[in-house]
Amino acid sequence: MAKFEDLKGQKFGYWTVVERAENHPATRNAQWLCECECGIKKIIRASALKSGKSKSCGCHKNDYNKIHGGKGTRLYECWRHMRYRCDNKNNQAYEMYGARGIKVCDEWQEFGAFRDWALENGYSDNLTLDRIDVNGNYEPSNCRWADAVTQMNNRRSTPHYTVDGRSLTISQWSRETGIPRSTILNRLKRGMSFEAAIEKGDYKCQNS
């Protein structure tokens, strides 16, 4: 008779062994009730655990459709598209993300971890995921939930103008100075320097 091996409490990949389960009805092989780190519980054969054949419930495989408690939600779609942009070479946005070396951090390979971060950091259905450093990765320290204006201002393609050490977009300078954006643009077209273009003055009298 084989010697009994107590696996309770041990970790195998993403599984944690919870307790002994009944032997397999056909083979009589030893089985254990295990809990994946995502929270899913399942009975696994001892041999599959020890050999490494079973490492998780499937949530850690490269499968965008594996998710627990979120498929079909807007937040899940944010997570899925984030990964597509960085990992899927056939995605139309890959050239702007994955091809430039932008990655999704290891922590966010799991939807549950991304969901927890999102809900703790201001997620709302009217906001979108925005990278603070547009050349940086998708990771907690470099992401926020922003409205459309904030995200537009943060795009690489949006010109920024530096005055007195502050680098802002034309729209941001417009809100800062109270000068209409169209006025600033017209002044720039007339050849004015940006510093002069955002000087308040009596801009209404300048036909701009």
C-alpha atoms as a PDB file:
ATOM      1  CA  MET A   1       0.000   0.000   0.000  1.00  0.00           C
ATOM      2  CA  ALA A   2       1.354   3.423  -0.979  1.00  0.00           C
ATOM      3  CA  LYS A   3       2.311   5.709   1.883  1.00  0.00           C
ATOM      4  CA  PHE A   4      -0.211   8.488   2.523  1.00  0.00           C
ATOM      5  CA  GLU A   5       1.104  11.943   1.657  1.00  0.00           C
ATOM      6  CA  ASP A   6      -0.653  14.867   3.247  1.00  0.00           C
ATOM      7  CA  LEU A   7      -0.815  17.761   0.777  1.00  0.00           C
ATOM      8  CA  LYS A   8      -3.110  20.010   2.810  1.00  0.00           C
ATOM      9  CA  GLY A   9      -1.906  23.618   2.843  1.00  0.00           C
ATOM     10  CA  GLN A  10       0.680  23.089   0.126  1.00  0.00           C
ATOM     11  CA  LYS A  11       0.843  25.232  -3.018  1.00  0.00           C
ATOM     12  CA  PHE A  12       1.154  23.849  -6.531  1.00  0.00           C
ATOM     13  CA  GLY A  13       1.346  26.628  -9.093  1.00  0.00           C
ATOM     14  CA  TYR A  14      -1.704  28.813  -8.358  1.00  0.00           C
ATOM     15  CA  TRP A  15      -3.488  26.052  -6.466  1.00  0.00           C
ATOM     16  CA  THR A  16      -3.591  25.861  -2.668  1.00  0.00           C
ATOM     17  CA  VAL A  17      -4.655  22.492  -1.310  1.00  0.00           C
ATOM     18  CA  VAL A  18      -7.635  22.903   1.025  1.00  0.00           C
ATOM     19  CA  GLU A  19      -8.521  19.367   2.114  1.00  0.00           C
ATOM     20  CA  ARG A  20      -8.592  15.734   1.086  1.00  0.00           C
ATOM     21  CA  ALA A  21     -11.373  14.717  -1.278  1.00  0.00           C
ATOM     22  CA  GLU A  22     -12.751  11.282  -2.110  1.00  0.00           C
ATOM     23  CA  ASN A  23     -10.611   9.106  -4.324  1.00  0.00           C
ATOM     24  CA  HIS A  24     -11.393   9.116  -8.021  1.00  0.00           C
ATOM     25  CA  PRO A  25     -14.392   6.749  -8.460  1.00  0.00           C
ATOM     26  CA  ALA A  26     -12.867   4.910 -11.417  1.00  0.00           C
ATOM     27  CA  THR A  27      -9.116   4.866 -10.811  1.00  0.00           C
ATOM     28  CA  ARG A  28      -9.191   5.216  -7.002  1.00  0.00           C
ATOM     29  CA  ASN A  29      -6.394   7.779  -7.316  1.00  0.00           C
ATOM     30  CA  ALA A  30      -6.023  10.278  -4.461  1.00  0.00           C
ATOM     31  CA  GLN A  31      -7.714  13.625  -5.006  1.00  0.00           C
ATOM     32  CA  TRP A  32      -7.663  16.952  -3.182  1.00  0.00           C
ATOM     33  CA  LEU A  33      -9.978  19.935  -3.030  1.00  0.00           C
ATOM     34  CA  CYS A  34      -7.914  22.918  -4.162  1.00  0.00           C
ATOM     35  CA  GLU A  35      -8.501  26.655  -4.409  1.00  0.00           C
ATOM     36  CA  CYS A  36      -7.035  28.728  -7.235  1.00  0.00           C
ATOM     37  CA  GLU A  37      -5.732  32.154  -6.294  1.00  0.00           C
ATOM     38  CA  CYS A  38      -8.654  33.659  -8.234  1.00  0.00           C
ATOM     39  CA  GLY A  39     -11.070  31.969  -5.798  1.00  0.00           C
ATOM     40  CA  ILE A  40     -12.277  29.030  -7.900  1.00  0.00           C
ATOM     41  CA  LYS A  41     -12.316  25.653  -6.081  1.00  0.00           C
ATOM     42  CA  LYS A  42     -11.901  22.336  -7.821  1.00  0.00           C
ATOM     43  CA  ILE A  43     -11.043  18.717  -7.028  1.00  0.00           C
ATOM     44  CA  ILE A  44      -7.665  17.791  -8.548  1.00  0.00           C
ATOM     45  CA  ARG A  45      -5.820  14.474  -8.692  1.00  0.00           C
ATOM     46  CA  ALA A  46      -2.737  14.401  -6.477  1.00  0.00           C
ATOM     47  CA  SER A  47      -0.623  13.162  -9.366  1.00  0.00           C
ATOM     48  CA  ALA A  48      -1.679  16.140 -11.530  1.00  0.00           C
ATOM     49  CA  LEU A  49      -0.698  18.556  -8.769  1.00  0.00           C
ATOM     50  CA  LYS A  50       2.693  17.026  -8.079  1.00  0.00           C
ATOM     51  CA  SER A  51       3.621  16.587 -11.720  1.00  0.00           C
ATOM     52  CA  GLY A  52       2.687  20.177 -12.573  1.00  0.00           C
ATOM     53  CA  LYS A  53       0.087  19.083 -15.091  1.00  0.00           C
ATOM     54  CA  SER A  54      -2.474  21.226 -13.286  1.00  0.00           C
ATOM     55  CA  LYS A  55      -1.238  24.657 -12.186  1.00  0.00           C
ATOM     56  CA  SER A  56      -4.450  26.680 -12.060  1.00  0.00           C
ATOM     57  CA  CYS A  57      -8.128  26.560 -12.960  1.00  0.00           C
ATOM     58  CA  GLY A  58      -7.243  28.020 -16.352  1.00  0.00           C
ATOM     59  CA  CYS A  59      -7.289  31.697 -15.469  1.00  0.00           C
ATOM     60  CA  HIS A  60      -3.530  32.002 -15.940  1.00  0.00           C
ATOM     61  CA  LYS A  61      -3.481  30.659 -19.459  1.00  0.00           C
ATOM     62  CA  ASN A  62      -3.129  33.115 -22.323  1.00  0.00           C
ATOM     63  CA  ASP A  63      -6.868  33.161 -22.852  1.00  0.00           C
ATOM     64  CA  TYR A  64      -8.594  36.533 -22.953  1.00  0.00           C
ATOM     65  CA  ASN A  65     -11.983  34.979 -22.342  1.00  0.00           C
ATOM     66  CA  LYS A  66     -11.096  33.343 -19.019  1.00  0.00           C
ATOM     67  CA  ILE A  67     -12.480  35.515 -16.267  1.00  0.00           C
ATOM     68  CA  HIS A  68     -14.283  35.080 -12.988  1.00  0.00           C
ATOM     69  CA  GLY A  69     -17.163  37.405 -12.222  1.00  0.00           C
ATOM     70  CA  GLY A  70     -16.755  40.026 -14.926  1.00  0.00           C
ATOM     71  CA  LYS A  71     -17.229  38.787 -18.472  1.00  0.00           C
ATOM     72  CA  GLY A  72     -19.575  41.027 -20.403  1.00  0.00           C
ATOM     73  CA  THR A  73     -18.998  44.086 -18.213  1.00  0.00           C
ATOM     74  CA  ARG A  74     -17.506  47.344 -19.472  1.00  0.00           C
ATOM     75  CA  LEU A  75     -14.604  46.962 -17.056  1.00  0.00           C
ATOM     76  CA  TYR A  76     -13.795  43.543 -18.477  1.00  0.00           C
ATOM     77  CA  GLU A  77     -13.815  44.969 -21.996  1.00  0.00           C
ATOM     78  CA  CYS A  78     -11.349  47.669 -20.874  1.00  0.00           C
ATOM     79  CA  TRP A  79      -9.048  44.935 -19.563  1.00  0.00           C
ATOM     80  CA  ARG A  80      -9.450  42.742 -22.636  1.00  0.00           C
ATOM     81  CA  HIS A  81      -8.740  45.530 -25.119  1.00  0.00           C
ATOM     82  CA  MET A  82      -5.772  46.711 -23.064  1.00  0.00           C
ATOM     83  CA  ARG A  83      -4.218  43.272 -23.445  1.00  0.00           C
ATOM     84  CA  TYR A  84      -5.145  42.975 -27.116  1.00  0.00           C
ATOM     85  CA  ARG A  85      -3.391  46.268 -27.917  1.00  0.00           C
ATOM     86  CA  CYS A  86      -0.197  45.069 -26.276  1.00  0.00           C
ATOM     87  CA  ASP A  87      -0.153  41.342 -27.049  1.00  0.00           C
ATOM     88  CA  ASN A  88      -2.081  40.659 -30.244  1.00  0.00           C
ATOM     89  CA  LYS A  89      -0.043  41.470 -33.365  1.00  0.00           C
ATOM     90  CA  ASN A  90      -3.211  41.227 -35.458  1.00  0.00           C
ATOM     91  CA  ASN A  91      -4.924  43.989 -33.495  1.00  0.00           C
ATOM     92  CA  GLN A  92      -5.183  47.245 -35.444  1.00  0.00           C
ATOM     93  CA  ALA A  93      -3.800  49.216 -32.483  1.00  0.00           C
ATOM     94  CA  TYR A  94      -0.821  46.906 -31.875  1.00  0.00           C
ATOM     95  CA  GLU A  95       1.542  49.143 -33.845  1.00  0.00           C
ATOM     96  CA  MET A  96       0.928  51.998 -31.390  1.00  0.00           C
ATOM     97  CA  TYR A  97       1.263  49.809 -28.291  1.00  0.00           C
ATOM     98  CA  GLY A  98       2.846  46.358 -28.340  1.00  0.00           C
ATOM     99  CA  ALA A  99       5.097  47.158 -31.280  1.00  0.00           C
ATOM    100  CA  ARG A 100       6.500  50.133 -29.324  1.00  0.00           C
ATOM    101  CA  GLY A 101       7.329  47.884 -26.372  1.00  0.00           C
ATOM    102  CA  ILE A 102       4.358  48.852 -24.212  1.00  0.00           C
ATOM    103  CA  LYS A 103       3.321  45.944 -22.013  1.00  0.00           C
ATOM    104  CA  VAL A 104       0.694  44.970 -19.461  1.00  0.00           C
ATOM    105  CA  CYS A 105       2.311  44.342 -16.071  1.00  0.00           C
ATOM    106  CA  ASP A 106       2.357  40.833 -14.629  1.00  0.00           C
ATOM    107  CA  GLU A 107      -0.140  41.778 -11.916  1.00  0.00           C
ATOM    108  CA  TRP A 108      -2.777  42.790 -14.465  1.00  0.00           C
ATOM    109  CA  GLN A 109      -2.552  39.577 -16.451  1.00  0.00           C
ATOM    110  CA  GLU A 110      -5.318  38.550 -14.030  1.00  0.00           C
ATOM    111  CA  PHE A 111      -8.624  40.333 -14.527  1.00  0.00           C
ATOM    112  CA  GLY A 112      -9.377  40.095 -10.799  1.00  0.00           C
ATOM    113  CA  ALA A 113      -6.296  42.116  -9.882  1.00  0.00           C
ATOM    114  CA  PHE A 114      -7.099  44.744 -12.530  1.00  0.00           C
ATOM    115  CA  ARG A 115     -10.716  44.930 -11.380  1.00  0.00           C
ATOM    116  CA  ASP A 116      -9.682  45.428  -7.746  1.00  0.00           C
ATOM    117  CA  TRP A 117      -7.291  48.224  -8.690  1.00  0.00           C
ATOM    118  CA  ALA A 118      -9.909  49.890 -10.900  1.00  0.00           C
ATOM    119  CA  LEU A 119     -12.625  49.914  -8.237  1.00  0.00           C
ATOM    120  CA  GLU A 120     -10.201  51.256  -5.634  1.00  0.00           C
ATOM    121  CA  ASN A 121      -8.918  54.011  -7.911  1.00  0.00           C
ATOM    122  CA  GLY A 122     -11.946  55.890  -9.174  1.00  0.00           C
ATOM    123  CA  TYR A 123     -13.346  53.682 -11.925  1.00  0.00           C
ATOM    124  CA  SER A 124     -16.592  54.979 -13.430  1.00  0.00           C
ATOM    125  CA  ASP A 125     -18.460  54.000 -16.591  1.00  0.00           C
ATOM    126  CA  ASN A 126     -17.915  57.496 -18.046  1.00  0.00           C
ATOM    127  CA  LEU A 127     -14.107  57.333 -17.671  1.00  0.00           C
ATOM    128  CA  THR A 128     -11.447  55.565 -19.710  1.00  0.00           C
ATOM    129  CA  LEU A 129      -8.126  53.983 -18.809  1.00  0.00           C
ATOM    130  CA  ASP A 130      -5.290  56.454 -19.355  1.00  0.00           C
ATOM    131  CA  ARG A 131      -1.508  56.026 -19.048  1.00  0.00           C
ATOM    132  CA  ILE A 132       0.110  59.007 -17.327  1.00  0.00           C
ATOM    133  CA  ASP A 133       3.358  58.461 -19.227  1.00  0.00           C
ATOM    134  CA  VAL A 134       2.206  57.666 -22.770  1.00  0.00           C
ATOM    135  CA  ASN A 135       5.457  55.782 -23.371  1.00  0.00           C
ATOM    136  CA  GLY A 136       5.111  53.714 -20.203  1.00  0.00           C
ATOM    137  CA  ASN A 137       3.480  50.373 -19.510  1.00  0.00           C
ATOM    138  CA  TYR A 138       0.023  49.529 -18.257  1.00  0.00           C
ATOM    139  CA  GLU A 139       0.663  49.229 -14.520  1.00  0.00           C
ATOM    140  CA  PRO A 140      -0.870  50.683 -11.339  1.00  0.00           C
ATOM    141  CA  SER A 141       1.754  53.415 -10.928  1.00  0.00           C
ATOM    142  CA  ASN A 142       1.276  54.675 -14.495  1.00  0.00           C
ATOM    143  CA  CYS A 143      -2.491  54.474 -14.964  1.00  0.00           C
ATOM    144  CA  ARG A 144      -5.568  56.443 -13.959  1.00  0.00           C
ATOM    145  CA  TRP A 145      -9.209  56.776 -14.921  1.00  0.00           C
ATOM    146  CA  ALA A 146      -9.656  59.949 -16.939  1.00  0.00           C
ATOM    147  CA  ASP A 147     -12.348  61.796 -18.861  1.00  0.00           C
ATOM    148  CA  ALA A 148     -12.105  62.312 -22.617  1.00  0.00           C
ATOM    149  CA  VAL A 149     -10.540  65.788 -22.339  1.00  0.00           C
ATOM    150  CA  THR A 150      -7.780  64.622 -20.006  1.00  0.00           C
ATOM    151  CA  GLN A 151      -7.004  61.644 -22.189  1.00  0.00           C
ATOM    152  CA  MET A 152      -6.937  63.737 -25.371  1.00  0.00           C
ATOM    153  CA  ASN A 153      -4.524  66.192 -23.763  1.00  0.00           C
ATOM    154  CA  ASN A 154      -2.287  63.297 -22.768  1.00  0.00           C
ATOM    155  CA  ARG A 155      -1.967  61.775 -26.246  1.00  0.00           C
ATOM    156  CA  ARG A 156       1.473  61.728 -27.860  1.00  0.00           C
ATOM    157  CA  SER A 157       0.034  63.399 -30.947  1.00  0.00           C
ATOM    158  CA  THR A 158      -1.325  66.404 -29.021  1.00  0.00           C
ATOM    159  CA  PRO A 159       1.212  69.275 -29.159  1.00  0.00           C
ATOM    160  CA  HIS A 160       2.369  70.716 -25.849  1.00  0.00           C
ATOM    161  CA  TYR A 161       3.782  74.240 -25.439  1.00  0.00           C
ATOM    162  CA  THR A 162       6.181  75.111 -22.656  1.00  0.00           C
ATOM    163  CA  VAL A 163       6.052  78.525 -21.012  1.00  0.00           C
ATOM    164  CA  ASP A 164       7.822  79.322 -17.742  1.00  0.00           C
ATOM    165  CA  GLY A 165       8.631  75.650 -17.252  1.00  0.00           C
ATOM    166  CA  ARG A 166       5.044  74.462 -17.687  1.00  0.00           C
ATOM    167  CA  SER A 167       4.133  72.240 -20.633  1.00  0.00           C
ATOM    168  CA  LEU A 168       0.430  72.295 -21.567  1.00  0.00           C
ATOM    169  CA  THR A 169      -1.743  71.816 -24.634  1.00  0.00           C
ATOM    170  CA  ILE A 170      -3.416  74.749 -26.359  1.00  0.00           C
ATOM    171  CA  SER A 171      -6.747  73.771 -24.798  1.00  0.00           C
ATOM    172  CA  GLN A 172      -5.173  73.722 -21.351  1.00  0.00           C
ATOM    173  CA  TRP A 173      -3.509  77.113 -21.874  1.00  0.00           C
ATOM    174  CA  SER A 174      -6.876  78.421 -23.093  1.00  0.00           C
ATOM    175  CA  ARG A 175      -8.591  77.370 -19.872  1.00  0.00           C
ATOM    176  CA  GLU A 176      -5.671  78.713 -17.834  1.00  0.00           C
ATOM    177  CA  THR A 177      -5.591  82.157 -19.440  1.00  0.00           C
ATOM    178  CA  GLY A 178      -9.235  82.574 -20.346  1.00  0.00           C
ATOM    179  CA  ILE A 179      -8.277  83.232 -23.974  1.00  0.00           C
ATOM    180  CA  PRO A 180     -10.387  81.266 -26.471  1.00  0.00           C
ATOM    181  CA  ARG A 181      -8.536  78.428 -28.166  1.00  0.00           C
ATOM    182  CA  SER A 182      -9.450  79.837 -31.579  1.00  0.00           C
ATOM    183  CA  THR A 183      -7.813  83.139 -30.643  1.00  0.00           C
ATOM    184  CA  ILE A 184      -4.577  81.446 -29.655  1.00  0.00           C
ATOM    185  CA  LEU A 185      -4.552  79.471 -32.914  1.00  0.00           C
ATOM    186  CA  ASN A 186      -5.190  82.596 -34.984  1.00  0.00           C
ATOM    187  CA  ARG A 187      -2.379  84.429 -33.229  1.00  0.00           C
ATOM    188  CA  LEU A 188      -0.004  81.547 -33.937  1.00  0.00           C
ATOM    189  CA  LYS A 189      -1.035  81.573 -37.619  1.00  0.00           C
ATOM    190  CA  ARG A 190      -0.146  85.265 -37.766  1.00  0.00           C
ATOM    191  CA  GLY A 191       3.383  84.379 -36.671  1.00  0.00           C
ATOM    192  CA  MET A 192       3.198  85.355 -33.006  1.00  0.00           C
ATOM    193  CA  SER A 193       5.332  83.461 -30.519  1.00  0.00           C
ATOM    194  CA  PHE A 194       3.399  81.174 -28.214  1.00  0.00           C
ATOM    195  CA  GLU A 195       4.288  83.338 -25.198  1.00  0.00           C
ATOM    196  CA  ALA A 196       2.758  86.345 -26.956  1.00  0.00           C
ATOM    197  CA  ALA A 197      -0.244  84.321 -28.136  1.00  0.00           C
ATOM    198  CA  ILE A 198      -1.313  83.549 -24.581  1.00  0.00           C
ATOM    199  CA  GLU A 199      -0.884  87.055 -23.233  1.00  0.00           C
ATOM    200  CA  LYS A 200      -4.301  88.195 -22.120  1.00  0.00           C
ATOM    201  CA  GLY A 201      -4.356  91.798 -23.302  1.00  0.00           C
ATOM    202  CA  ASP A 202      -7.441  93.008 -25.122  1.00  0.00           C
ATOM    203  CA  TYR A 203      -7.622  90.087 -27.493  1.00  0.00           C
ATOM    204  CA  LYS A 204     -11.155  90.923 -28.585  1.00  0.00           C
ATOM    205  CA  CYS A 205      -9.841  94.061 -30.302  1.00  0.00           C
ATOM    206  CA  GLN A 206      -7.241  92.198 -32.318  1.00  0.00           C
ATOM    207  CA  ASN A 207      -9.702  90.541 -34.736  1.00  0.00           C
ATOM    208  CA  SER A 208      -8.491  87.164 -33.581  1.00  0.00           C
END
